[in-house]
Amino acid sequence: MLIRGICALLIRAGGPVPADGLIGCGNLAAVRLTEFWRRMDQQFGATYAQSVARDYVLAGLGGRTIEQALADGEAAKDVWSAVCAEFQVPQRLR
C-alpha cells in the first residue's frame, strides 16, 4: 500500500517516475489518479485543489486528508466518493 501512496503523490506532483511501470503501481493506477486529479482541478481549480487535498480533513476518509488517504493506499475512486459527499460535487463531475 505504501508504494501506491508514493506513486499517487509522485504523479500529482509531476515528479520523476520510471517509464516502465510507475514504481510498480501499474499504468491503471496512474490513469485512475490522473482522472482523480483532473476532477479535483475541475471542481476546485488547480491551486485550491492542492490546498484542499493537503489541508482539509474529511470524515469520510476516517479523519484523514486526501493526501493522507492516497498515501495510505486508498483507491482514488473511494477518495473521490468522499470528496463528492463532503463538497456536494455536481453530478457531471461524479
N, C-alpha and C. Protein backbone atom coordinates (compact mmCIF):
# COMPACT_ATOMS: atom_id res chain seq x y z
N MET A 1 0.82 -1.20 0.00
CA MET A 1 0.00 0.00 0.00
C MET A 1 0.86 1.26 0.00
N LEU A 2 1.97 1.22 0.66
CA LEU A 2 2.84 2.40 0.70
C LEU A 2 3.32 2.77 -0.70
N ILE A 3 3.64 1.76 -1.50
CA ILE A 3 4.10 2.03 -2.86
C ILE A 3 3.03 2.77 -3.65
N ARG A 4 1.77 2.35 -3.55
CA ARG A 4 0.69 3.04 -4.27
C ARG A 4 0.55 4.47 -3.80
N GLY A 5 0.69 4.71 -2.51
CA GLY A 5 0.59 6.06 -1.98
C GLY A 5 1.71 6.95 -2.49
N ILE A 6 2.92 6.42 -2.52
CA ILE A 6 4.05 7.18 -3.05
C ILE A 6 3.82 7.48 -4.52
N CYS A 7 3.33 6.49 -5.24
CA CYS A 7 3.05 6.67 -6.65
C CYS A 7 2.03 7.79 -6.84
N ALA A 8 0.99 7.81 -6.03
CA ALA A 8 -0.05 8.83 -6.14
C ALA A 8 0.54 10.22 -5.96
N LEU A 9 1.37 10.38 -4.97
CA LEU A 9 1.95 11.69 -4.70
C LEU A 9 2.91 12.11 -5.81
N LEU A 10 3.69 11.17 -6.33
CA LEU A 10 4.61 11.50 -7.42
C LEU A 10 3.87 11.89 -8.68
N ILE A 11 2.81 11.18 -9.00
CA ILE A 11 2.03 11.50 -10.19
C ILE A 11 1.45 12.89 -10.06
N ARG A 12 0.86 13.22 -8.93
CA ARG A 12 0.24 14.53 -8.74
C ARG A 12 1.28 15.64 -8.80
N ALA A 13 2.43 15.40 -8.22
CA ALA A 13 3.46 16.43 -8.17
C ALA A 13 4.23 16.54 -9.48
N GLY A 14 3.97 15.63 -10.40
CA GLY A 14 4.71 15.64 -11.65
C GLY A 14 6.14 15.20 -11.45
N GLY A 15 6.36 14.46 -10.39
CA GLY A 15 7.71 14.03 -10.04
C GLY A 15 8.21 12.92 -10.93
N PRO A 16 9.45 12.55 -10.74
CA PRO A 16 10.05 11.52 -11.59
C PRO A 16 9.50 10.15 -11.23
N VAL A 17 8.95 9.50 -12.21
CA VAL A 17 8.51 8.12 -12.03
C VAL A 17 9.04 7.32 -13.20
N PRO A 18 9.48 6.11 -12.94
CA PRO A 18 10.04 5.32 -14.02
C PRO A 18 9.02 5.08 -15.12
N ALA A 19 9.47 5.10 -16.37
CA ALA A 19 8.58 4.89 -17.51
C ALA A 19 8.11 3.45 -17.60
N ASP A 20 8.73 2.56 -16.87
CA ASP A 20 8.41 1.14 -17.00
C ASP A 20 7.46 0.64 -15.93
N GLY A 21 6.50 1.44 -15.51
CA GLY A 21 5.51 0.89 -14.59
C GLY A 21 5.23 1.72 -13.37
N LEU A 22 5.71 2.91 -13.28
CA LEU A 22 5.36 3.79 -12.17
C LEU A 22 5.58 3.16 -10.80
N ILE A 23 6.82 2.82 -10.52
CA ILE A 23 7.22 2.27 -9.22
C ILE A 23 6.38 1.05 -8.86
N GLY A 24 6.07 0.23 -9.82
CA GLY A 24 5.30 -0.98 -9.55
C GLY A 24 3.82 -0.75 -9.35
N CYS A 25 3.34 0.45 -9.56
CA CYS A 25 1.93 0.74 -9.35
C CYS A 25 1.09 0.29 -10.55
N GLY A 26 1.67 0.20 -11.71
CA GLY A 26 0.94 -0.17 -12.90
C GLY A 26 0.30 1.04 -13.54
N ASN A 27 0.11 0.96 -14.81
CA ASN A 27 -0.45 2.08 -15.56
C ASN A 27 -1.89 2.38 -15.19
N LEU A 28 -2.65 1.37 -14.82
CA LEU A 28 -4.05 1.58 -14.45
C LEU A 28 -4.15 2.51 -13.25
N ALA A 29 -3.28 2.35 -12.28
CA ALA A 29 -3.27 3.24 -11.12
C ALA A 29 -3.00 4.67 -11.55
N ALA A 30 -2.08 4.84 -12.48
CA ALA A 30 -1.75 6.19 -12.97
C ALA A 30 -2.95 6.82 -13.65
N VAL A 31 -3.66 6.03 -14.45
CA VAL A 31 -4.85 6.55 -15.14
C VAL A 31 -5.90 6.96 -14.13
N ARG A 32 -6.14 6.14 -13.14
CA ARG A 32 -7.15 6.47 -12.14
C ARG A 32 -6.77 7.71 -11.34
N LEU A 33 -5.52 7.83 -10.97
CA LEU A 33 -5.08 9.01 -10.23
C LEU A 33 -5.10 10.24 -11.11
N THR A 34 -4.74 10.10 -12.36
CA THR A 34 -4.79 11.23 -13.29
C THR A 34 -6.23 11.73 -13.41
N GLU A 35 -7.17 10.83 -13.52
CA GLU A 35 -8.58 11.21 -13.61
C GLU A 35 -9.05 11.85 -12.30
N PHE A 36 -8.62 11.30 -11.18
CA PHE A 36 -8.97 11.87 -9.88
C PHE A 36 -8.52 13.33 -9.80
N TRP A 37 -7.26 13.60 -10.14
CA TRP A 37 -6.74 14.96 -10.05
C TRP A 37 -7.36 15.88 -11.09
N ARG A 38 -7.71 15.34 -12.25
CA ARG A 38 -8.41 16.15 -13.25
C ARG A 38 -9.74 16.63 -12.68
N ARG A 39 -10.45 15.73 -12.04
CA ARG A 39 -11.74 16.09 -11.44
C ARG A 39 -11.57 17.06 -10.27
N MET A 40 -10.55 16.86 -9.46
CA MET A 40 -10.28 17.80 -8.36
C MET A 40 -10.02 19.19 -8.92
N ASP A 41 -9.21 19.27 -9.98
CA ASP A 41 -8.91 20.57 -10.60
C ASP A 41 -10.16 21.20 -11.19
N GLN A 42 -11.04 20.40 -11.78
CA GLN A 42 -12.28 20.94 -12.33
C GLN A 42 -13.19 21.47 -11.23
N GLN A 43 -13.24 20.77 -10.12
CA GLN A 43 -14.13 21.17 -9.03
C GLN A 43 -13.61 22.39 -8.28
N PHE A 44 -12.32 22.41 -7.98
CA PHE A 44 -11.78 23.43 -7.09
C PHE A 44 -10.83 24.43 -7.75
N GLY A 45 -10.37 24.13 -8.96
CA GLY A 45 -9.29 24.91 -9.55
C GLY A 45 -7.97 24.28 -9.14
N ALA A 46 -6.97 24.41 -9.99
CA ALA A 46 -5.71 23.70 -9.77
C ALA A 46 -5.04 24.06 -8.43
N THR A 47 -4.98 25.32 -8.11
CA THR A 47 -4.30 25.73 -6.88
C THR A 47 -5.09 25.34 -5.64
N TYR A 48 -6.38 25.61 -5.64
CA TYR A 48 -7.19 25.30 -4.47
C TYR A 48 -7.33 23.79 -4.27
N ALA A 49 -7.34 23.02 -5.37
CA ALA A 49 -7.43 21.56 -5.25
C ALA A 49 -6.26 21.02 -4.43
N GLN A 50 -5.08 21.57 -4.65
CA GLN A 50 -3.91 21.13 -3.89
C GLN A 50 -4.07 21.48 -2.41
N SER A 51 -4.61 22.65 -2.13
CA SER A 51 -4.82 23.06 -0.75
C SER A 51 -5.86 22.17 -0.07
N VAL A 52 -6.95 21.90 -0.76
CA VAL A 52 -7.99 21.02 -0.20
C VAL A 52 -7.39 19.65 0.10
N ALA A 53 -6.63 19.12 -0.83
CA ALA A 53 -6.04 17.79 -0.66
C ALA A 53 -5.06 17.74 0.51
N ARG A 54 -4.36 18.81 0.72
CA ARG A 54 -3.33 18.85 1.76
C ARG A 54 -3.90 19.18 3.14
N ASP A 55 -4.91 20.08 3.19
CA ASP A 55 -5.31 20.68 4.46
C ASP A 55 -6.67 20.25 5.01
N TYR A 56 -7.57 19.80 4.17
CA TYR A 56 -8.94 19.55 4.60
C TYR A 56 -9.09 18.11 5.09
N VAL A 57 -9.52 17.94 6.32
CA VAL A 57 -9.73 16.61 6.91
C VAL A 57 -11.17 16.19 6.63
N LEU A 58 -11.34 15.03 6.02
CA LEU A 58 -12.66 14.53 5.66
C LEU A 58 -13.07 13.39 6.58
N ALA A 59 -14.25 13.49 7.13
CA ALA A 59 -14.78 12.42 7.98
C ALA A 59 -14.92 11.14 7.18
N GLY A 60 -15.30 11.26 5.91
CA GLY A 60 -15.47 10.10 5.05
C GLY A 60 -14.19 9.35 4.74
N LEU A 61 -13.08 9.96 5.09
CA LEU A 61 -11.77 9.30 4.92
C LEU A 61 -11.17 8.93 6.27
N GLY A 62 -12.02 8.80 7.26
CA GLY A 62 -11.54 8.40 8.58
C GLY A 62 -10.75 9.47 9.29
N GLY A 63 -11.10 10.73 9.03
CA GLY A 63 -10.39 11.83 9.68
C GLY A 63 -9.03 12.11 9.08
N ARG A 64 -8.84 11.73 7.82
CA ARG A 64 -7.58 11.99 7.13
C ARG A 64 -7.79 13.01 6.02
N THR A 65 -6.69 13.59 5.58
CA THR A 65 -6.76 14.45 4.40
C THR A 65 -6.75 13.57 3.16
N ILE A 66 -7.02 14.17 2.01
CA ILE A 66 -6.97 13.45 0.75
C ILE A 66 -5.56 12.91 0.52
N GLU A 67 -4.56 13.74 0.73
CA GLU A 67 -3.18 13.30 0.54
C GLU A 67 -2.83 12.12 1.45
N GLN A 68 -3.29 12.18 2.70
CA GLN A 68 -3.01 11.09 3.63
C GLN A 68 -3.69 9.80 3.17
N ALA A 69 -4.94 9.91 2.74
CA ALA A 69 -5.67 8.73 2.30
C ALA A 69 -5.01 8.09 1.08
N LEU A 70 -4.61 8.91 0.12
CA LEU A 70 -3.93 8.38 -1.06
C LEU A 70 -2.58 7.76 -0.69
N ALA A 71 -1.86 8.41 0.20
CA ALA A 71 -0.56 7.89 0.64
C ALA A 71 -0.73 6.57 1.39
N ASP A 72 -1.87 6.41 2.06
CA ASP A 72 -2.15 5.16 2.78
C ASP A 72 -2.64 4.06 1.85
N GLY A 73 -2.78 4.39 0.55
CA GLY A 73 -3.16 3.37 -0.42
C GLY A 73 -4.64 3.28 -0.71
N GLU A 74 -5.43 4.23 -0.23
CA GLU A 74 -6.85 4.22 -0.55
C GLU A 74 -7.03 4.38 -2.06
N ALA A 75 -8.00 3.72 -2.60
CA ALA A 75 -8.29 3.81 -4.03
C ALA A 75 -8.76 5.22 -4.37
N ALA A 76 -8.27 5.75 -5.48
CA ALA A 76 -8.66 7.09 -5.91
C ALA A 76 -10.18 7.20 -6.05
N LYS A 77 -10.81 6.15 -6.50
CA LYS A 77 -12.27 6.12 -6.64
C LYS A 77 -12.96 6.34 -5.30
N ASP A 78 -12.47 5.70 -4.26
CA ASP A 78 -13.07 5.84 -2.93
C ASP A 78 -12.81 7.23 -2.35
N VAL A 79 -11.63 7.75 -2.60
CA VAL A 79 -11.31 9.09 -2.12
C VAL A 79 -12.20 10.11 -2.83
N TRP A 80 -12.38 9.93 -4.14
CA TRP A 80 -13.23 10.85 -4.89
C TRP A 80 -14.68 10.79 -4.38
N SER A 81 -15.16 9.62 -4.04
CA SER A 81 -16.51 9.49 -3.49
C SER A 81 -16.66 10.28 -2.19
N ALA A 82 -15.63 10.24 -1.35
CA ALA A 82 -15.66 11.00 -0.10
C ALA A 82 -15.65 12.50 -0.38
N VAL A 83 -14.87 12.93 -1.38
CA VAL A 83 -14.83 14.35 -1.76
C VAL A 83 -16.22 14.78 -2.26
N CYS A 84 -16.82 13.96 -3.10
CA CYS A 84 -18.15 14.28 -3.64
C CYS A 84 -19.18 14.45 -2.53
N ALA A 85 -19.15 13.56 -1.56
CA ALA A 85 -20.10 13.63 -0.44
C ALA A 85 -19.86 14.87 0.41
N GLU A 86 -18.63 15.19 0.66
CA GLU A 86 -18.29 16.32 1.54
C GLU A 86 -18.55 17.68 0.89
N PHE A 87 -18.27 17.79 -0.39
CA PHE A 87 -18.31 19.10 -1.05
C PHE A 87 -19.47 19.27 -2.03
N GLN A 88 -20.40 18.35 -2.05
CA GLN A 88 -21.55 18.43 -2.95
C GLN A 88 -21.11 18.69 -4.40
N VAL A 89 -20.25 17.83 -4.88
CA VAL A 89 -19.73 17.94 -6.24
C VAL A 89 -20.88 17.72 -7.23
N PRO A 90 -20.96 18.56 -8.27
CA PRO A 90 -22.02 18.41 -9.27
C PRO A 90 -22.02 17.02 -9.92
N GLN A 91 -23.17 16.56 -10.28
CA GLN A 91 -23.32 15.22 -10.86
C GLN A 91 -22.43 15.02 -12.09
N ARG A 92 -22.23 16.06 -12.90
CA ARG A 92 -21.44 15.92 -14.12
C ARG A 92 -19.98 15.59 -13.85
N LEU A 93 -19.50 15.84 -12.63
CA LEU A 93 -18.11 15.53 -12.27
C LEU A 93 -17.98 14.25 -11.45
N ARG A 94 -19.08 13.66 -11.08
CA ARG A 94 -19.01 12.46 -10.23
C ARG A 94 -18.60 11.23 -10.98
